[in-house]
């Protein structure tokens, strides 16, 4: 992904809200040095320069703009992106709720009319043989059918940027059977029907499936379940934020995963990451946002 972005030889300007944390600054610096990003850092200039000095970074590489607080920084970062002075908006130390409030503002935000806001992440795992796309990891507590369809299409679009033209989507649940105990499984059955009718972007979709059937071929053989996913999912779609968010964070913490993710449903790329996310993951998110910003 990074090599692809560098090869495009185009710089994208990134407005970072409340930018004075080490992992964000070092990740942005790396992207600037690689030549595919420029940075507008909104926050406390003294703190930003202090972090730069501690990491041997020349702060003159950044356009540093003073903000009184995290809410003001988020609003200004979004305003710069809406006005075209920036191409991408990125969350720094600002709280996710404060940041998304600015992004979703009906008058001054970045929402596309009538769109669903959802988060798609691409995860690199030593234990899995290819990239794994996950949705929704940060926005929708309990997505309905319409939102699930949008989540799937955002993930398909992102996978396409990586050259995956017909991704395998596993609709994740606790079991592979439709059950009234798990209301999302009814939506899954409807989604599979709609996908077979060609009303969802090109993909191979099946569900409900448990995680073993989605990502482990041996489990498919042992269980004897006939599924076109066959343990080789490209995309995992989750029924709730309560299931997806702990899952992806466990991959980061225990399985040495790295993630690149974006908010989808906006006019321009929006980078939202946990404040504790690694420098590498933040760097990958910046690269992904530049890839998705390409026309």
C-alpha atoms as a PDB file:
ATOM      1  CA  UNK A   1       0.000   0.000   0.000  1.00  0.00           C
ATOM      2  CA  UNK A   2       2.716   2.459   0.977  1.00  0.00           C
ATOM      3  CA  UNK A   3       4.723   1.668  -2.154  1.00  0.00           C
ATOM      4  CA  UNK A   4       1.609   2.243  -4.264  1.00  0.00           C
ATOM      5  CA  UNK A   5       0.959   5.626  -2.644  1.00  0.00           C
ATOM      6  CA  UNK A   6       4.577   6.721  -3.076  1.00  0.00           C
ATOM      7  CA  UNK A   7       4.531   5.645  -6.735  1.00  0.00           C
ATOM      8  CA  UNK A   8       1.557   7.934  -7.434  1.00  0.00           C
ATOM      9  CA  UNK A   9       3.853  10.928  -6.775  1.00  0.00           C
ATOM     10  CA  UNK A  10       1.078  13.094  -5.384  1.00  0.00           C
ATOM     11  CA  UNK A  11       0.976  14.943  -2.073  1.00  0.00           C
ATOM     12  CA  UNK A  12      -2.184  15.234  -0.017  1.00  0.00           C
ATOM     13  CA  UNK A  13      -2.600  17.875   2.653  1.00  0.00           C
ATOM     14  CA  UNK A  14      -3.733  16.506   6.025  1.00  0.00           C
ATOM     15  CA  UNK A  15      -5.351  18.651   8.741  1.00  0.00           C
ATOM     16  CA  UNK A  16      -4.668  17.069  12.149  1.00  0.00           C
ATOM     17  CA  UNK A  17      -6.970  17.999  15.043  1.00  0.00           C
ATOM     18  CA  UNK A  18      -5.290  18.448  18.454  1.00  0.00           C
ATOM     19  CA  UNK A  19      -1.999  17.240  17.054  1.00  0.00           C
ATOM     20  CA  UNK A  20       0.353  17.241  20.046  1.00  0.00           C
ATOM     21  CA  UNK A  21       0.893  13.522  20.616  1.00  0.00           C
ATOM     22  CA  UNK A  22       4.049  11.624  19.785  1.00  0.00           C
ATOM     23  CA  UNK A  23       2.653   8.768  17.674  1.00  0.00           C
ATOM     24  CA  UNK A  24       0.633  11.119  15.469  1.00  0.00           C
ATOM     25  CA  UNK A  25       3.520  13.519  14.956  1.00  0.00           C
ATOM     26  CA  UNK A  26       6.069  10.809  14.155  1.00  0.00           C
ATOM     27  CA  UNK A  27       3.626   9.094  11.756  1.00  0.00           C
ATOM     28  CA  UNK A  28       2.857  12.363   9.954  1.00  0.00           C
ATOM     29  CA  UNK A  29       6.549  13.181   9.805  1.00  0.00           C
ATOM     30  CA  UNK A  30       7.285   9.856   8.119  1.00  0.00           C
ATOM     31  CA  UNK A  31       4.567  10.467   5.521  1.00  0.00           C
ATOM     32  CA  UNK A  32       5.914  13.967   4.861  1.00  0.00           C
ATOM     33  CA  UNK A  33       9.461  12.645   4.468  1.00  0.00           C
ATOM     34  CA  UNK A  34       8.227   9.914   2.086  1.00  0.00           C
ATOM     35  CA  UNK A  35       6.775  12.674  -0.064  1.00  0.00           C
ATOM     36  CA  UNK A  36       3.064  11.822  -0.149  1.00  0.00           C
ATOM     37  CA  UNK A  37       1.755  14.155   2.564  1.00  0.00           C
ATOM     38  CA  UNK A  38       1.805  17.723   3.831  1.00  0.00           C
ATOM     39  CA  UNK A  39       0.608  18.504   7.348  1.00  0.00           C
ATOM     40  CA  UNK A  40      -1.445  21.217   9.014  1.00  0.00           C
ATOM     41  CA  UNK A  41      -1.096  20.648  12.761  1.00  0.00           C
ATOM     42  CA  UNK A  42      -3.839  22.228  14.868  1.00  0.00           C
ATOM     43  CA  UNK A  43      -3.355  22.408  18.612  1.00  0.00           C
ATOM     44  CA  UNK A  44      -0.945  23.843  21.151  1.00  0.00           C
ATOM     45  CA  UNK A  45       2.095  25.040  19.138  1.00  0.00           C
ATOM     46  CA  UNK A  46       4.422  24.883  22.149  1.00  0.00           C
ATOM     47  CA  UNK A  47       3.457  21.279  22.895  1.00  0.00           C
ATOM     48  CA  UNK A  48       3.724  20.282  19.226  1.00  0.00           C
ATOM     49  CA  UNK A  49       7.212  21.770  18.977  1.00  0.00           C
ATOM     50  CA  UNK A  50       8.207  20.090  22.258  1.00  0.00           C
ATOM     51  CA  UNK A  51       7.165  16.661  20.931  1.00  0.00           C
ATOM     52  CA  UNK A  52       8.982  17.355  17.661  1.00  0.00           C
ATOM     53  CA  UNK A  53      12.161  18.241  19.537  1.00  0.00           C
ATOM     54  CA  UNK A  54      11.926  15.093  21.686  1.00  0.00           C
ATOM     55  CA  UNK A  55      11.711  13.002  18.501  1.00  0.00           C
ATOM     56  CA  UNK A  56      14.429  14.940  16.565  1.00  0.00           C
ATOM     57  CA  UNK A  57      11.828  16.225  14.077  1.00  0.00           C
ATOM     58  CA  UNK A  58      12.111  19.594  12.347  1.00  0.00           C
ATOM     59  CA  UNK A  59       8.805  21.291  13.241  1.00  0.00           C
ATOM     60  CA  UNK A  60       9.247  23.688  10.307  1.00  0.00           C
ATOM     61  CA  UNK A  61       8.129  20.809   8.070  1.00  0.00           C
ATOM     62  CA  UNK A  62       4.618  21.353   9.462  1.00  0.00           C
ATOM     63  CA  UNK A  63       2.177  24.241   9.231  1.00  0.00           C
ATOM     64  CA  UNK A  64       1.343  24.652  12.922  1.00  0.00           C
ATOM     65  CA  UNK A  65      -1.863  26.522  13.808  1.00  0.00           C
ATOM     66  CA  UNK A  66      -2.943  27.469  17.321  1.00  0.00           C
ATOM     67  CA  UNK A  67      -6.227  26.106  18.713  1.00  0.00           C
ATOM     68  CA  UNK A  68      -7.559  26.917  22.178  1.00  0.00           C
ATOM     69  CA  UNK A  69      -9.022  23.467  22.818  1.00  0.00           C
ATOM     70  CA  UNK A  70      -9.751  20.113  21.188  1.00  0.00           C
ATOM     71  CA  UNK A  71     -13.256  21.087  20.022  1.00  0.00           C
ATOM     72  CA  UNK A  72     -11.936  24.188  18.251  1.00  0.00           C
ATOM     73  CA  UNK A  73      -9.133  22.127  16.702  1.00  0.00           C
ATOM     74  CA  UNK A  74     -11.625  19.570  15.365  1.00  0.00           C
ATOM     75  CA  UNK A  75     -13.929  22.241  13.922  1.00  0.00           C
ATOM     76  CA  UNK A  76     -11.059  24.066  12.233  1.00  0.00           C
ATOM     77  CA  UNK A  77      -9.543  20.868  10.813  1.00  0.00           C
ATOM     78  CA  UNK A  78     -12.921  19.989   9.303  1.00  0.00           C
ATOM     79  CA  UNK A  79     -13.420  23.552   8.012  1.00  0.00           C
ATOM     80  CA  UNK A  80     -10.041  23.490   6.265  1.00  0.00           C
ATOM     81  CA  UNK A  81     -10.950  20.171   4.631  1.00  0.00           C
ATOM     82  CA  UNK A  82     -14.435  21.312   3.570  1.00  0.00           C
ATOM     83  CA  UNK A  83     -12.982  24.499   2.049  1.00  0.00           C
ATOM     84  CA  UNK A  84     -10.361  22.588   0.056  1.00  0.00           C
ATOM     85  CA  UNK A  85      -7.382  23.912   1.998  1.00  0.00           C
ATOM     86  CA  UNK A  86      -6.805  20.315   3.129  1.00  0.00           C
ATOM     87  CA  UNK A  87      -7.562  16.995   1.428  1.00  0.00           C
ATOM     88  CA  UNK A  88      -7.882  14.790   4.525  1.00  0.00           C
ATOM     89  CA  UNK A  89      -8.845  15.358   8.164  1.00  0.00           C
ATOM     90  CA  UNK A  90      -7.193  13.347  10.945  1.00  0.00           C
ATOM     91  CA  UNK A  91      -7.973  12.849  14.628  1.00  0.00           C
ATOM     92  CA  UNK A  92      -5.074  13.528  16.989  1.00  0.00           C
ATOM     93  CA  UNK A  93      -5.530  13.605  20.782  1.00  0.00           C
ATOM     94  CA  UNK A  94      -9.097  14.882  20.496  1.00  0.00           C
ATOM     95  CA  UNK A  95     -11.821  12.573  21.826  1.00  0.00           C
ATOM     96  CA  UNK A  96     -13.633  10.560  19.164  1.00  0.00           C
ATOM     97  CA  UNK A  97     -17.060  11.947  20.122  1.00  0.00           C
ATOM     98  CA  UNK A  98     -15.826  15.548  19.869  1.00  0.00           C
ATOM     99  CA  UNK A  99     -14.071  14.858  16.562  1.00  0.00           C
ATOM    100  CA  UNK A 100     -17.035  13.075  14.954  1.00  0.00           C
ATOM    101  CA  UNK A 101     -19.400  15.824  16.089  1.00  0.00           C
ATOM    102  CA  UNK A 102     -17.400  18.238  13.910  1.00  0.00           C
ATOM    103  CA  UNK A 103     -17.256  15.774  11.002  1.00  0.00           C
ATOM    104  CA  UNK A 104     -21.010  15.095  11.156  1.00  0.00           C
ATOM    105  CA  UNK A 105     -22.149  18.715  11.595  1.00  0.00           C
ATOM    106  CA  UNK A 106     -25.062  19.155   9.159  1.00  0.00           C
ATOM    107  CA  UNK A 107     -24.060  22.662   8.088  1.00  0.00           C
ATOM    108  CA  UNK A 108     -20.264  22.639   8.343  1.00  0.00           C
ATOM    109  CA  UNK A 109     -19.270  18.973   8.299  1.00  0.00           C
ATOM    110  CA  UNK A 110     -18.094  16.436   5.743  1.00  0.00           C
ATOM    111  CA  UNK A 111     -21.075  14.081   5.527  1.00  0.00           C
ATOM    112  CA  UNK A 112     -22.362  13.182   2.072  1.00  0.00           C
ATOM    113  CA  UNK A 113     -26.136  13.850   1.799  1.00  0.00           C
ATOM    114  CA  UNK A 114     -28.083  10.769   2.852  1.00  0.00           C
ATOM    115  CA  UNK A 115     -24.954   8.725   3.494  1.00  0.00           C
ATOM    116  CA  UNK A 116     -24.209   6.219   6.238  1.00  0.00           C
ATOM    117  CA  UNK A 117     -21.116   6.921   8.318  1.00  0.00           C
ATOM    118  CA  UNK A 118     -19.077   3.779   8.990  1.00  0.00           C
ATOM    119  CA  UNK A 119     -15.481   2.738   9.691  1.00  0.00           C
ATOM    120  CA  UNK A 120     -13.537   0.225   7.612  1.00  0.00           C
ATOM    121  CA  UNK A 121     -10.140  -1.070   8.693  1.00  0.00           C
ATOM    122  CA  UNK A 122      -7.540  -3.102   6.800  1.00  0.00           C
ATOM    123  CA  UNK A 123      -5.594  -5.300   9.223  1.00  0.00           C
ATOM    124  CA  UNK A 124      -2.218  -6.950   8.646  1.00  0.00           C
ATOM    125  CA  UNK A 125      -1.806 -10.061  10.801  1.00  0.00           C
ATOM    126  CA  UNK A 126       1.152 -12.450  11.077  1.00  0.00           C
ATOM    127  CA  UNK A 127      -1.351 -15.278  11.647  1.00  0.00           C
ATOM    128  CA  UNK A 128      -3.439 -14.655   8.494  1.00  0.00           C
ATOM    129  CA  UNK A 129      -2.232 -15.112   4.935  1.00  0.00           C
ATOM    130  CA  UNK A 130      -3.684 -11.879   3.525  1.00  0.00           C
ATOM    131  CA  UNK A 131      -5.090  -8.512   4.522  1.00  0.00           C
ATOM    132  CA  UNK A 132      -8.341  -8.668   6.455  1.00  0.00           C
ATOM    133  CA  UNK A 133     -10.869  -5.838   6.137  1.00  0.00           C
ATOM    134  CA  UNK A 134     -13.154  -5.209   9.143  1.00  0.00           C
ATOM    135  CA  UNK A 135     -16.316  -3.121   9.550  1.00  0.00           C
ATOM    136  CA  UNK A 136     -17.773  -1.246  11.404  1.00  0.00           C
ATOM    137  CA  UNK A 137     -15.168  -0.649  14.100  1.00  0.00           C
ATOM    138  CA  UNK A 138     -15.921   2.798  15.467  1.00  0.00           C
ATOM    139  CA  UNK A 139     -19.244   4.409  14.586  1.00  0.00           C
ATOM    140  CA  UNK A 140     -22.530   2.444  14.518  1.00  0.00           C
ATOM    141  CA  UNK A 141     -23.529   0.718  17.789  1.00  0.00           C
ATOM    142  CA  UNK A 142     -26.127  -1.631  16.255  1.00  0.00           C
ATOM    143  CA  UNK A 143     -26.326  -1.244  12.445  1.00  0.00           C
ATOM    144  CA  UNK A 144     -29.641  -1.913  10.738  1.00  0.00           C
ATOM    145  CA  UNK A 145     -29.991  -3.620   7.352  1.00  0.00           C
ATOM    146  CA  UNK A 146     -29.453  -0.443   5.321  1.00  0.00           C
ATOM    147  CA  UNK A 147     -26.374   0.439   7.350  1.00  0.00           C
ATOM    148  CA  UNK A 148     -24.971  -3.079   7.014  1.00  0.00           C
ATOM    149  CA  UNK A 149     -25.318  -2.877   3.220  1.00  0.00           C
ATOM    150  CA  UNK A 150     -23.435   0.453   3.213  1.00  0.00           C
ATOM    151  CA  UNK A 151     -20.759  -1.056   5.473  1.00  0.00           C
ATOM    152  CA  UNK A 152     -20.317  -3.928   3.030  1.00  0.00           C
ATOM    153  CA  UNK A 153     -20.047  -1.634   0.010  1.00  0.00           C
ATOM    154  CA  UNK A 154     -17.535   0.658   1.712  1.00  0.00           C
ATOM    155  CA  UNK A 155     -15.381  -2.384   2.506  1.00  0.00           C
ATOM    156  CA  UNK A 156     -15.710  -3.700  -1.065  1.00  0.00           C
ATOM    157  CA  UNK A 157     -14.652  -0.310  -2.434  1.00  0.00           C
ATOM    158  CA  UNK A 158     -11.627  -0.192  -0.119  1.00  0.00           C
ATOM    159  CA  UNK A 159     -10.615  -3.752  -1.004  1.00  0.00           C
ATOM    160  CA  UNK A 160     -10.789  -2.734  -4.656  1.00  0.00           C
ATOM    161  CA  UNK A 161      -8.107  -0.100  -4.012  1.00  0.00           C
ATOM    162  CA  UNK A 162      -5.842  -3.004  -3.017  1.00  0.00           C
ATOM    163  CA  UNK A 163      -6.602  -4.885  -6.244  1.00  0.00           C
ATOM    164  CA  UNK A 164      -9.178  -7.268  -4.710  1.00  0.00           C
ATOM    165  CA  UNK A 165     -11.905  -7.176  -7.341  1.00  0.00           C
ATOM    166  CA  UNK A 166     -14.443  -9.655  -5.904  1.00  0.00           C
ATOM    167  CA  UNK A 167     -13.786  -9.939  -2.173  1.00  0.00           C
ATOM    168  CA  UNK A 168     -15.213 -12.650   0.045  1.00  0.00           C
ATOM    169  CA  UNK A 169     -17.413 -11.116   2.763  1.00  0.00           C
ATOM    170  CA  UNK A 170     -18.211 -13.108   5.892  1.00  0.00           C
ATOM    171  CA  UNK A 171     -21.184 -11.830   7.904  1.00  0.00           C
ATOM    172  CA  UNK A 172     -20.027 -12.590  11.433  1.00  0.00           C
ATOM    173  CA  UNK A 173     -22.160 -14.014  14.233  1.00  0.00           C
ATOM    174  CA  UNK A 174     -21.836 -16.480  17.107  1.00  0.00           C
ATOM    175  CA  UNK A 175     -23.169 -19.280  14.899  1.00  0.00           C
ATOM    176  CA  UNK A 176     -23.699 -20.157  11.251  1.00  0.00           C
ATOM    177  CA  UNK A 177     -27.465 -20.492  11.716  1.00  0.00           C
ATOM    178  CA  UNK A 178     -30.183 -17.852  11.449  1.00  0.00           C
ATOM    179  CA  UNK A 179     -31.678 -17.486  14.921  1.00  0.00           C
ATOM    180  CA  UNK A 180     -34.144 -15.193  16.686  1.00  0.00           C
ATOM    181  CA  UNK A 181     -31.638 -15.088  19.549  1.00  0.00           C
ATOM    182  CA  UNK A 182     -29.348 -13.049  17.249  1.00  0.00           C
ATOM    183  CA  UNK A 183     -31.500 -10.465  15.400  1.00  0.00           C
ATOM    184  CA  UNK A 184     -28.648  -9.512  13.040  1.00  0.00           C
ATOM    185  CA  UNK A 185     -28.766 -12.956  11.425  1.00  0.00           C
ATOM    186  CA  UNK A 186     -32.094 -12.092   9.796  1.00  0.00           C
ATOM    187  CA  UNK A 187     -30.433  -9.091   8.179  1.00  0.00           C
ATOM    188  CA  UNK A 188     -27.609 -11.347   7.054  1.00  0.00           C
ATOM    189  CA  UNK A 189     -29.992 -13.706   5.267  1.00  0.00           C
ATOM    190  CA  UNK A 190     -31.566 -10.735   3.482  1.00  0.00           C
ATOM    191  CA  UNK A 191     -28.137  -9.334   2.536  1.00  0.00           C
ATOM    192  CA  UNK A 192     -27.076 -12.645   0.978  1.00  0.00           C
ATOM    193  CA  UNK A 193     -30.301 -12.664  -1.054  1.00  0.00           C
ATOM    194  CA  UNK A 194     -29.720  -9.090  -2.224  1.00  0.00           C
ATOM    195  CA  UNK A 195     -26.076  -9.866  -3.081  1.00  0.00           C
ATOM    196  CA  UNK A 196     -27.110 -12.870  -5.210  1.00  0.00           C
ATOM    197  CA  UNK A 197     -29.509 -10.585  -7.086  1.00  0.00           C
ATOM    198  CA  UNK A 198     -26.570  -8.316  -7.948  1.00  0.00           C
ATOM    199  CA  UNK A 199     -27.865  -5.388  -5.888  1.00  0.00           C
ATOM    200  CA  UNK A 200     -24.651  -5.109  -3.863  1.00  0.00           C
ATOM    201  CA  UNK A 201     -21.250  -4.331  -5.392  1.00  0.00           C
ATOM    202  CA  UNK A 202     -19.398  -7.366  -6.795  1.00  0.00           C
ATOM    203  CA  UNK A 203     -18.504  -9.764  -3.991  1.00  0.00           C
ATOM    204  CA  UNK A 204     -18.915 -13.282  -2.627  1.00  0.00           C
ATOM    205  CA  UNK A 205     -21.068 -12.990   0.491  1.00  0.00           C
ATOM    206  CA  UNK A 206     -22.192 -15.530   3.067  1.00  0.00           C
ATOM    207  CA  UNK A 207     -23.553 -15.472   6.579  1.00  0.00           C
ATOM    208  CA  UNK A 208     -24.198 -15.812   9.338  1.00  0.00           C
ATOM    209  CA  UNK A 209     -20.789 -17.404   9.887  1.00  0.00           C
ATOM    210  CA  UNK A 210     -18.662 -17.792  12.967  1.00  0.00           C
ATOM    211  CA  UNK A 211     -15.054 -16.620  12.867  1.00  0.00           C
ATOM    212  CA  UNK A 212     -13.624 -20.111  12.310  1.00  0.00           C
ATOM    213  CA  UNK A 213     -15.729 -20.692   9.188  1.00  0.00           C
ATOM    214  CA  UNK A 214     -14.775 -17.224   7.948  1.00  0.00           C
ATOM    215  CA  UNK A 215     -11.023 -17.503   8.372  1.00  0.00           C
ATOM    216  CA  UNK A 216      -9.954 -21.121   8.914  1.00  0.00           C
ATOM    217  CA  UNK A 217     -10.243 -23.705   6.106  1.00  0.00           C
ATOM    218  CA  UNK A 218      -9.646 -26.615   8.506  1.00  0.00           C
ATOM    219  CA  UNK A 219     -12.680 -25.586  10.551  1.00  0.00           C
ATOM    220  CA  UNK A 220     -14.816 -25.562   7.396  1.00  0.00           C
ATOM    221  CA  UNK A 221     -13.738 -29.139   6.669  1.00  0.00           C
ATOM    222  CA  UNK A 222     -14.273 -30.281  10.261  1.00  0.00           C
ATOM    223  CA  UNK A 223     -17.726 -28.719  10.537  1.00  0.00           C
ATOM    224  CA  UNK A 224     -18.725 -29.795   7.047  1.00  0.00           C
ATOM    225  CA  UNK A 225     -20.394 -26.477   6.323  1.00  0.00           C
ATOM    226  CA  UNK A 226     -20.881 -25.575   2.674  1.00  0.00           C
ATOM    227  CA  UNK A 227     -19.856 -21.931   2.368  1.00  0.00           C
ATOM    228  CA  UNK A 228     -18.326 -20.041  -0.580  1.00  0.00           C
ATOM    229  CA  UNK A 229     -16.158 -18.135   1.906  1.00  0.00           C
ATOM    230  CA  UNK A 230     -14.371 -21.430   2.697  1.00  0.00           C
ATOM    231  CA  UNK A 231     -12.222 -20.001   5.480  1.00  0.00           C
ATOM    232  CA  UNK A 232     -10.674 -17.368   3.198  1.00  0.00           C
ATOM    233  CA  UNK A 233     -12.587 -14.194   4.030  1.00  0.00           C
ATOM    234  CA  UNK A 234     -11.289 -10.856   2.806  1.00  0.00           C
ATOM    235  CA  UNK A 235     -13.900  -8.876   4.762  1.00  0.00           C
ATOM    236  CA  UNK A 236     -15.511  -9.480   8.145  1.00  0.00           C
ATOM    237  CA  UNK A 237     -18.746  -7.569   8.756  1.00  0.00           C
ATOM    238  CA  UNK A 238     -19.808  -7.440  12.417  1.00  0.00           C
ATOM    239  CA  UNK A 239     -23.299  -7.115  13.918  1.00  0.00           C
ATOM    240  CA  UNK A 240     -22.397  -4.498  16.526  1.00  0.00           C
ATOM    241  CA  UNK A 241     -19.737  -2.152  17.792  1.00  0.00           C
ATOM    242  CA  UNK A 242     -19.616  -4.199  20.998  1.00  0.00           C
ATOM    243  CA  UNK A 243     -18.358  -7.176  18.981  1.00  0.00           C
ATOM    244  CA  UNK A 244     -16.153  -5.474  16.394  1.00  0.00           C
ATOM    245  CA  UNK A 245     -14.268  -2.947  18.508  1.00  0.00           C
ATOM    246  CA  UNK A 246     -12.961  -5.386  21.148  1.00  0.00           C
ATOM    247  CA  UNK A 247     -12.154  -7.865  18.365  1.00  0.00           C
ATOM    248  CA  UNK A 248      -9.924  -5.489  16.413  1.00  0.00           C
ATOM    249  CA  UNK A 249      -8.266  -4.145  19.562  1.00  0.00           C
ATOM    250  CA  UNK A 250      -7.479  -7.704  20.677  1.00  0.00           C
ATOM    251  CA  UNK A 251      -5.763  -8.251  17.314  1.00  0.00           C
ATOM    252  CA  UNK A 252      -3.623  -5.159  17.928  1.00  0.00           C
ATOM    253  CA  UNK A 253      -2.810  -6.052  21.538  1.00  0.00           C
ATOM    254  CA  UNK A 254      -2.373  -9.833  21.454  1.00  0.00           C
ATOM    255  CA  UNK A 255      -1.800 -10.831  17.820  1.00  0.00           C
ATOM    256  CA  UNK A 256       0.718  -8.158  16.733  1.00  0.00           C
ATOM    257  CA  UNK A 257      -1.702  -6.726  14.193  1.00  0.00           C
ATOM    258  CA  UNK A 258      -1.396  -3.361  12.508  1.00  0.00           C
ATOM    259  CA  UNK A 259      -4.401  -1.498  11.156  1.00  0.00           C
ATOM    260  CA  UNK A 260      -5.098   1.113   8.510  1.00  0.00           C
ATOM    261  CA  UNK A 261      -8.633   2.412   8.712  1.00  0.00           C
ATOM    262  CA  UNK A 262     -10.916   5.221   7.602  1.00  0.00           C
ATOM    263  CA  UNK A 263     -14.352   6.659   8.159  1.00  0.00           C
ATOM    264  CA  UNK A 264     -16.449   6.176   5.010  1.00  0.00           C
ATOM    265  CA  UNK A 265     -19.523   8.102   3.879  1.00  0.00           C
ATOM    266  CA  UNK A 266     -17.771  11.470   3.846  1.00  0.00           C
ATOM    267  CA  UNK A 267     -16.829  13.822   1.031  1.00  0.00           C
ATOM    268  CA  UNK A 268     -13.141  13.498   1.883  1.00  0.00           C
ATOM    269  CA  UNK A 269     -11.151  10.878   3.831  1.00  0.00           C
ATOM    270  CA  UNK A 270     -11.453  11.035   7.614  1.00  0.00           C
ATOM    271  CA  UNK A 271      -8.829   9.314   9.794  1.00  0.00           C
ATOM    272  CA  UNK A 272     -10.134   8.219  13.196  1.00  0.00           C
ATOM    273  CA  UNK A 273      -7.855   6.123  15.394  1.00  0.00           C
ATOM    274  CA  UNK A 274      -7.610   5.312  19.064  1.00  0.00           C
ATOM    275  CA  UNK A 275      -5.237   7.689  20.836  1.00  0.00           C
ATOM    276  CA  UNK A 276      -3.216   4.652  21.970  1.00  0.00           C
ATOM    277  CA  UNK A 277      -2.753   3.310  18.420  1.00  0.00           C
ATOM    278  CA  UNK A 278       0.872   2.685  17.363  1.00  0.00           C
ATOM    279  CA  UNK A 279       2.939   4.999  15.182  1.00  0.00           C
ATOM    280  CA  UNK A 280       3.013   2.328  12.483  1.00  0.00           C
ATOM    281  CA  UNK A 281      -0.766   1.930  12.413  1.00  0.00           C
ATOM    282  CA  UNK A 282      -1.226   5.697  12.249  1.00  0.00           C
ATOM    283  CA  UNK A 283       1.276   5.869   9.407  1.00  0.00           C
ATOM    284  CA  UNK A 284      -0.608   3.134   7.555  1.00  0.00           C
ATOM    285  CA  UNK A 285      -3.857   5.063   8.072  1.00  0.00           C
ATOM    286  CA  UNK A 286      -2.290   8.156   6.551  1.00  0.00           C
ATOM    287  CA  UNK A 287      -1.095   6.146   3.552  1.00  0.00           C
ATOM    288  CA  UNK A 288      -4.535   4.556   3.156  1.00  0.00           C
ATOM    289  CA  UNK A 289      -6.257   7.938   3.293  1.00  0.00           C
ATOM    290  CA  UNK A 290      -3.973   9.208   0.529  1.00  0.00           C
ATOM    291  CA  UNK A 291      -4.758   6.102  -1.529  1.00  0.00           C
ATOM    292  CA  UNK A 292      -8.509   6.555  -1.043  1.00  0.00           C
ATOM    293  CA  UNK A 293      -8.239  10.283  -1.860  1.00  0.00           C
ATOM    294  CA  UNK A 294      -7.083   9.439  -5.378  1.00  0.00           C
ATOM    295  CA  UNK A 295      -9.748  10.126  -8.004  1.00  0.00           C
END
